[in-house]
Amino acid sequence: MLVLKVLIGVLFQAFFFGILLLPIAGGYWFEAYFLIILHVAIAIPYGIYSAIYYPKGMEARMVLSSENQPKKDKIIYASIISVMILGILLIPTDVFHLQVFEKAPLELQILGLIIYFSGFAIVGKAQNQNDFIEPVVEIQTDRGHRIIDTGLYAHIRHPMYSGFLLFFSGMALWHGSIFAFLLVPLVLFFLLSLRIKGEEEVLEKEFNEYLEYKKKVKAKLIPGIF
C-alpha cells in the first residue's frame, strides 16, 4: 500500500510540475519535459526503495495536517507552499514573457540541473535518516519522538529545508530563469527561517537535549553561514 501511495505521489508531482510550467510556455519546452521525465525516472526507484527500507520516514512525510500544529506554523507552511507554486509559475512567465534577464546559458542550465538533483538527494537522505520528519510541526509522542543527531543532522539541524532550497534554485536555473533563481529562494529562505524559529521553540519545550544539540550543531540551513 505504501509503495502504491509513493507511485501516486510521484505521478502527482509530475502532473503538478507540468501544469505549472507548460501552459504558460505555450508549446513544446524541452527543459520542462526533460526535467519532468528525469524526475519521475529517479523519484520512482527512490520512493520504492525508501518505502521498503525506510517506511517510517516515508509515512511521516504523508502527514499533511494535525490538530496539534501551531496556528502560526500553519500560516507559515501555507505561505511556503504558496511561494513555491508562484515561484514555479514565475519560471515560464519570466523565460517566455518578462525576460528580466537573458536566458541562462547552457553551462548555467546544466549547473542548475546538478543543483536540482543535489537538492533531491539531500531531501531524500534527510527523510530516510529521520523517522519523525512530518511536514507539520508537532511532537509525535505516539511514535516515540526523539531528536535525530546523526547523519546529515550531525552537520545541519534542518537538512530537509537546505535540500528544498537547492531543489527549487536548480529548477529555476535549469529552465533558464535567472530572475526566479535569484528572487524566489530568497523569499523561501526568509519563510523557512521563520518556520525554523517556531519549530525549534516547540522542540526546546519538549526536549531538554535539544538545547545541547543546538550547541553542538550550529548550522540551521547552511554550514558556516546560517
Protein backbone atom coordinates (compact mmCIF):
# COMPACT_ATOMS: atom_id res chain seq x y z
CA MET A 1 0.00 0.00 0.00
CA LEU A 2 2.83 2.40 0.87
CA VAL A 3 4.57 1.70 -2.43
CA LEU A 4 1.31 2.45 -4.27
CA LYS A 5 0.99 5.75 -2.39
CA VAL A 6 4.56 6.61 -3.39
CA LEU A 7 3.88 5.90 -7.05
CA ILE A 8 0.74 8.03 -6.98
CA GLY A 9 2.69 10.78 -5.23
CA VAL A 10 5.44 10.82 -7.85
CA LEU A 11 2.94 10.92 -10.70
CA PHE A 12 1.14 13.77 -8.95
CA GLN A 13 4.44 15.66 -8.68
CA ALA A 14 5.00 15.22 -12.41
CA PHE A 15 1.47 16.46 -13.16
CA PHE A 16 1.96 19.34 -10.71
CA PHE A 17 5.19 20.47 -12.37
CA GLY A 18 3.68 20.10 -15.82
CA ILE A 19 0.51 22.04 -15.11
CA LEU A 20 2.52 24.92 -13.63
CA LEU A 21 5.30 25.05 -16.21
CA LEU A 22 3.86 24.11 -19.59
CA PRO A 23 0.67 26.17 -20.18
CA ILE A 24 2.48 29.50 -19.78
CA ALA A 25 5.23 28.29 -22.11
CA GLY A 26 2.54 27.90 -24.75
CA GLY A 27 4.03 24.91 -26.51
CA TYR A 28 6.87 22.40 -26.52
CA TRP A 29 9.53 23.23 -23.91
CA PHE A 30 12.46 20.83 -23.88
CA GLU A 31 13.76 21.79 -20.45
CA ALA A 32 10.40 21.24 -18.77
CA TYR A 33 9.71 17.88 -20.41
CA PHE A 34 13.27 16.71 -19.76
CA LEU A 35 13.13 17.62 -16.06
CA ILE A 36 9.71 16.04 -15.51
CA ILE A 37 10.71 12.78 -17.19
CA LEU A 38 14.06 12.63 -15.39
CA HIS A 39 12.43 13.47 -12.08
CA VAL A 40 9.96 10.60 -12.46
CA ALA A 41 12.75 8.23 -13.55
CA ILE A 42 14.70 8.99 -10.37
CA ALA A 43 11.87 9.57 -7.89
CA ILE A 44 10.09 6.26 -8.53
CA PRO A 45 13.11 4.00 -7.72
CA TYR A 46 14.00 6.22 -4.75
CA GLY A 47 10.41 6.16 -3.49
CA ILE A 48 10.09 2.38 -3.77
CA TYR A 49 13.47 1.89 -2.07
CA SER A 50 12.51 4.25 0.78
CA ALA A 51 9.07 2.69 1.19
CA ILE A 52 10.71 -0.72 1.63
CA TYR A 53 13.72 0.18 3.76
CA TYR A 54 12.66 3.45 5.44
CA PRO A 55 8.87 3.21 5.71
CA LYS A 56 8.57 5.29 8.89
CA GLY A 57 10.16 8.35 7.32
CA MET A 58 8.10 7.92 4.16
CA GLU A 59 4.88 7.59 6.16
CA ALA A 60 5.77 10.67 8.21
CA ARG A 61 6.06 12.74 5.02
CA MET A 62 2.48 11.85 4.14
CA VAL A 63 1.03 13.51 7.26
CA LEU A 64 -0.31 16.76 5.82
CA SER A 65 -2.25 18.17 8.78
CA SER A 66 -2.61 17.83 12.53
CA GLU A 67 -4.73 19.36 15.27
CA ASN A 68 -1.53 19.83 17.28
CA GLN A 69 0.13 22.01 14.65
CA PRO A 70 0.52 25.58 15.99
CA LYS A 71 -1.61 28.16 14.19
CA LYS A 72 1.45 30.26 13.41
CA ASP A 73 3.12 27.30 11.73
CA LYS A 74 0.01 26.61 9.66
CA ILE A 75 0.22 30.15 8.28
CA ILE A 76 3.95 29.88 7.54
CA TYR A 77 3.53 26.44 5.97
CA ALA A 78 0.72 27.71 3.74
CA SER A 79 2.92 30.68 2.78
CA ILE A 80 5.79 28.38 1.81
CA ILE A 81 3.50 26.27 -0.39
CA SER A 82 2.07 29.41 -1.98
CA VAL A 83 5.50 30.87 -2.73
CA MET A 84 6.62 27.55 -4.18
CA ILE A 85 3.63 27.46 -6.54
CA LEU A 86 4.02 31.11 -7.52
CA GLY A 87 7.76 30.57 -7.91
CA ILE A 88 7.28 27.72 -10.37
CA LEU A 89 4.75 29.81 -12.29
CA LEU A 90 7.27 32.65 -12.39
CA ILE A 91 9.83 30.48 -14.21
CA PRO A 92 7.98 30.19 -17.56
CA THR A 93 6.50 33.66 -17.11
CA ASP A 94 10.00 35.09 -16.94
CA VAL A 95 11.55 32.89 -19.65
CA PHE A 96 8.81 33.46 -22.23
CA HIS A 97 7.31 36.83 -21.29
CA LEU A 98 9.05 39.03 -18.70
CA GLN A 99 12.62 38.20 -19.71
CA VAL A 100 14.02 40.26 -16.83
CA PHE A 101 17.44 38.81 -17.62
CA GLU A 102 18.66 36.96 -20.67
CA LYS A 103 18.05 33.24 -20.54
CA ALA A 104 20.80 31.45 -18.65
CA PRO A 105 23.48 29.95 -20.94
CA LEU A 106 23.67 26.19 -21.31
CA GLU A 107 26.55 25.92 -18.83
CA LEU A 108 24.44 27.51 -16.08
CA GLN A 109 21.42 25.42 -17.04
CA ILE A 110 23.45 22.23 -16.63
CA LEU A 111 24.71 23.55 -13.30
CA GLY A 112 21.08 24.13 -12.36
CA LEU A 113 20.24 20.51 -13.17
CA ILE A 114 23.10 19.35 -10.94
CA ILE A 115 21.88 21.64 -8.13
CA TYR A 116 18.33 20.35 -8.58
CA PHE A 117 19.27 16.71 -8.14
CA SER A 118 21.71 17.55 -5.34
CA GLY A 119 18.75 19.07 -3.53
CA PHE A 120 16.67 15.99 -4.33
CA ALA A 121 19.39 13.75 -2.90
CA ILE A 122 19.69 15.82 0.29
CA VAL A 123 15.92 15.85 0.80
CA GLY A 124 15.78 12.10 0.26
CA LYS A 125 18.69 11.39 2.59
CA ALA A 126 17.28 13.66 5.30
CA GLN A 127 13.94 11.90 5.07
CA ASN A 128 15.48 8.43 5.33
CA GLN A 129 17.53 9.46 8.35
CA ASN A 130 14.61 10.91 10.30
CA ASP A 131 11.51 8.87 11.12
CA PHE A 132 9.75 11.96 12.51
CA ILE A 133 10.08 14.29 9.52
CA GLU A 134 6.43 15.27 9.12
CA PRO A 135 5.59 18.35 7.02
CA VAL A 136 3.70 19.73 10.04
CA VAL A 137 5.29 20.90 13.27
CA GLU A 138 4.18 18.78 16.21
CA ILE A 139 5.58 16.47 18.87
CA GLN A 140 4.85 12.91 17.79
CA THR A 141 4.50 11.36 21.24
CA ASP A 142 2.55 8.41 19.87
CA ARG A 143 5.54 7.49 17.70
CA GLY A 144 8.24 7.87 20.34
CA HIS A 145 9.51 11.20 19.04
CA ARG A 146 13.20 11.86 19.72
CA ILE A 147 15.93 14.17 18.48
CA ILE A 148 17.89 12.92 15.46
CA ASP A 149 21.54 13.99 15.65
CA THR A 150 23.29 11.60 13.28
CA GLY A 151 23.90 11.55 9.52
CA LEU A 152 23.12 14.89 7.88
CA TYR A 153 21.66 16.05 11.19
CA ALA A 154 25.12 15.92 12.72
CA HIS A 155 26.07 18.83 10.44
CA ILE A 156 22.84 20.75 9.74
CA ARG A 157 19.81 20.99 12.02
CA HIS A 158 17.33 21.22 9.12
CA PRO A 159 18.86 19.46 6.09
CA MET A 160 15.43 18.88 4.52
CA TYR A 161 14.98 22.64 4.15
CA SER A 162 18.52 23.01 2.81
CA GLY A 163 17.77 20.44 0.13
CA PHE A 164 14.47 22.11 -0.66
CA LEU A 165 16.23 25.43 -1.35
CA LEU A 166 18.71 23.71 -3.66
CA PHE A 167 15.85 21.83 -5.32
CA PHE A 168 13.99 24.99 -6.27
CA SER A 169 17.11 27.01 -7.13
CA GLY A 170 18.24 24.28 -9.50
CA MET A 171 14.82 24.04 -11.12
CA ALA A 172 14.78 27.77 -11.87
CA LEU A 173 18.31 27.78 -13.27
CA TRP A 174 17.83 24.66 -15.41
CA HIS A 175 14.83 26.28 -17.09
CA GLY A 176 16.90 29.39 -17.73
CA SER A 177 15.26 31.91 -15.40
CA ILE A 178 17.99 33.81 -13.59
CA PHE A 179 15.30 36.11 -12.17
CA ALA A 180 13.43 33.26 -10.47
CA PHE A 181 16.75 31.74 -9.41
CA LEU A 182 17.70 34.96 -7.58
CA LEU A 183 14.31 36.02 -6.22
CA VAL A 184 12.30 33.01 -5.09
CA PRO A 185 14.97 31.22 -3.00
CA LEU A 186 15.44 34.45 -1.02
CA VAL A 187 11.74 34.55 -0.18
CA LEU A 188 11.74 30.85 0.66
CA PHE A 189 14.84 31.32 2.81
CA PHE A 190 13.06 34.03 4.79
CA LEU A 191 9.94 31.89 5.31
CA LEU A 192 11.95 28.80 6.21
CA SER A 193 13.90 30.87 8.74
CA LEU A 194 10.61 31.87 10.38
CA ARG A 195 9.46 28.27 10.41
CA ILE A 196 12.72 27.05 11.90
CA LYS A 197 12.37 29.56 14.74
CA GLY A 198 8.89 28.30 15.63
CA GLU A 199 9.81 24.65 15.12
CA GLU A 200 12.81 24.89 17.40
CA GLU A 201 10.76 26.63 20.09
CA VAL A 202 8.42 23.63 20.10
CA LEU A 203 11.33 21.18 20.24
CA GLU A 204 13.08 23.09 23.04
CA LYS A 205 9.95 22.99 25.21
CA GLU A 206 9.59 19.22 24.78
CA PHE A 207 13.22 18.07 24.70
CA ASN A 208 15.83 19.39 27.13
CA GLU A 209 18.52 17.76 24.99
CA TYR A 210 17.62 19.96 22.03
CA LEU A 211 19.50 22.87 23.58
CA GLU A 212 22.61 20.71 23.75
CA TYR A 213 22.02 19.66 20.15
CA LYS A 214 21.88 23.33 19.08
CA LYS A 215 25.18 23.99 20.81
CA LYS A 216 26.77 21.02 19.07
CA VAL A 217 25.31 21.67 15.61
CA LYS A 218 25.45 25.40 14.87
CA ALA A 219 24.18 25.39 11.30
CA LYS A 220 20.44 25.64 10.69
CA LEU A 221 20.50 25.57 6.88
CA ILE A 222 23.94 26.43 5.54
CA PRO A 223 27.11 25.27 7.37
CA GLY A 224 29.30 28.18 8.42
CA ILE A 225 26.73 30.79 7.29
CA PHE A 226 23.31 30.24 8.85
